[in-house]
Protein backbone atom coordinates (compact mmCIF):
# COMPACT_ATOMS: atom_id res chain seq x y z
CA MET A 1 -89.92 -135.32 142.87
CA ILE A 2 -90.58 -132.35 140.30
CA TYR A 3 -87.29 -132.86 138.63
CA ILE A 4 -87.86 -136.28 137.59
CA LYS A 5 -91.32 -135.51 136.46
CA ARG A 6 -90.32 -132.67 134.32
CA LEU A 7 -87.18 -134.87 132.92
CA ARG A 8 -89.81 -137.54 131.90
CA GLU A 9 -91.96 -134.88 130.06
CA LEU A 10 -88.86 -133.72 127.91
CA LEU A 11 -87.70 -137.21 127.17
CA ASP A 12 -91.15 -138.48 126.05
CA ARG A 13 -91.36 -135.35 123.77
CA LYS A 14 -88.15 -136.11 121.87
CA PHE A 15 -88.19 -132.90 119.68
CA LEU A 16 -87.09 -129.87 121.82
CA LYS A 17 -86.37 -126.43 121.95
CA ASP A 18 -82.67 -124.59 122.96
CA VAL A 19 -84.08 -123.79 126.26
CA GLU A 20 -85.38 -127.39 127.08
CA LEU A 21 -82.02 -129.03 126.07
CA LEU A 22 -80.24 -126.64 128.55
CA GLU A 23 -83.06 -127.75 131.08
CA LEU A 24 -82.04 -131.33 130.56
CA GLU A 25 -78.44 -130.74 130.81
CA ASP A 26 -79.06 -128.89 134.24
CA ASN A 27 -81.12 -131.75 135.81
CA GLU A 28 -79.65 -133.57 138.57
CA TYR A 29 -80.54 -137.07 137.02
CA VAL A 30 -78.68 -136.39 133.79
CA ILE A 31 -75.30 -137.78 133.63
CA GLU A 32 -74.39 -136.81 130.07
CA CYS A 33 -76.02 -134.82 127.18
CA LYS A 34 -74.01 -135.02 124.14
CA PHE A 35 -74.42 -134.30 120.52
CA THR A 36 -74.19 -137.55 118.34
CA GLN A 37 -74.94 -136.98 114.65
CA PRO A 38 -77.24 -135.03 112.57
CA TYR A 39 -80.72 -136.61 112.50
CA ASN A 40 -81.82 -135.11 109.18
CA ALA A 41 -81.59 -131.63 107.32
CA HIS A 42 -83.39 -129.94 110.20
CA TYR A 43 -82.61 -131.67 113.41
CA ASN A 44 -79.40 -132.81 115.40
CA GLU A 45 -79.75 -136.06 117.60
CA TYR A 46 -78.52 -135.76 121.26
CA LYS A 47 -77.84 -138.75 123.44
CA VAL A 48 -78.99 -138.27 127.02
CA VAL A 49 -77.63 -140.69 129.78
CA VAL A 50 -79.92 -140.54 132.79
CA ARG A 51 -79.54 -142.23 136.26
CA GLU A 52 -83.10 -143.55 137.30
CA ASP A 53 -83.43 -145.63 140.41
CA ASP A 54 -79.82 -146.98 140.30
CA GLU A 55 -80.27 -147.73 136.60
CA ILE A 56 -78.39 -146.14 133.84
CA LYS A 57 -80.62 -145.33 130.85
CA ILE A 58 -79.84 -143.74 127.48
CA TYR A 59 -82.16 -141.77 125.39
CA LYS A 60 -82.24 -139.81 122.25
CA VAL A 61 -83.56 -136.26 121.76
CA TYR A 62 -83.64 -133.99 118.81
CA LEU A 63 -82.89 -130.42 118.48
CA LYS A 64 -83.86 -128.07 115.53
CA TYR A 65 -80.46 -127.10 113.54
CA ARG A 66 -79.68 -123.50 113.09
């Protein structure tokens, strides 16, 4: 399915743009996308909870701080 393929691309890249984080939040496989903490002076860390094949998996992605 296209949605899971695009989701994989974004999660593998880790460092995302604003629009890509929104795309993650709107994906049907994503249960939760939540800010967790500042990663460093330039990026914020987000926890992404994904439902894949009846499993719940947790990933971390990073968004440039503004």
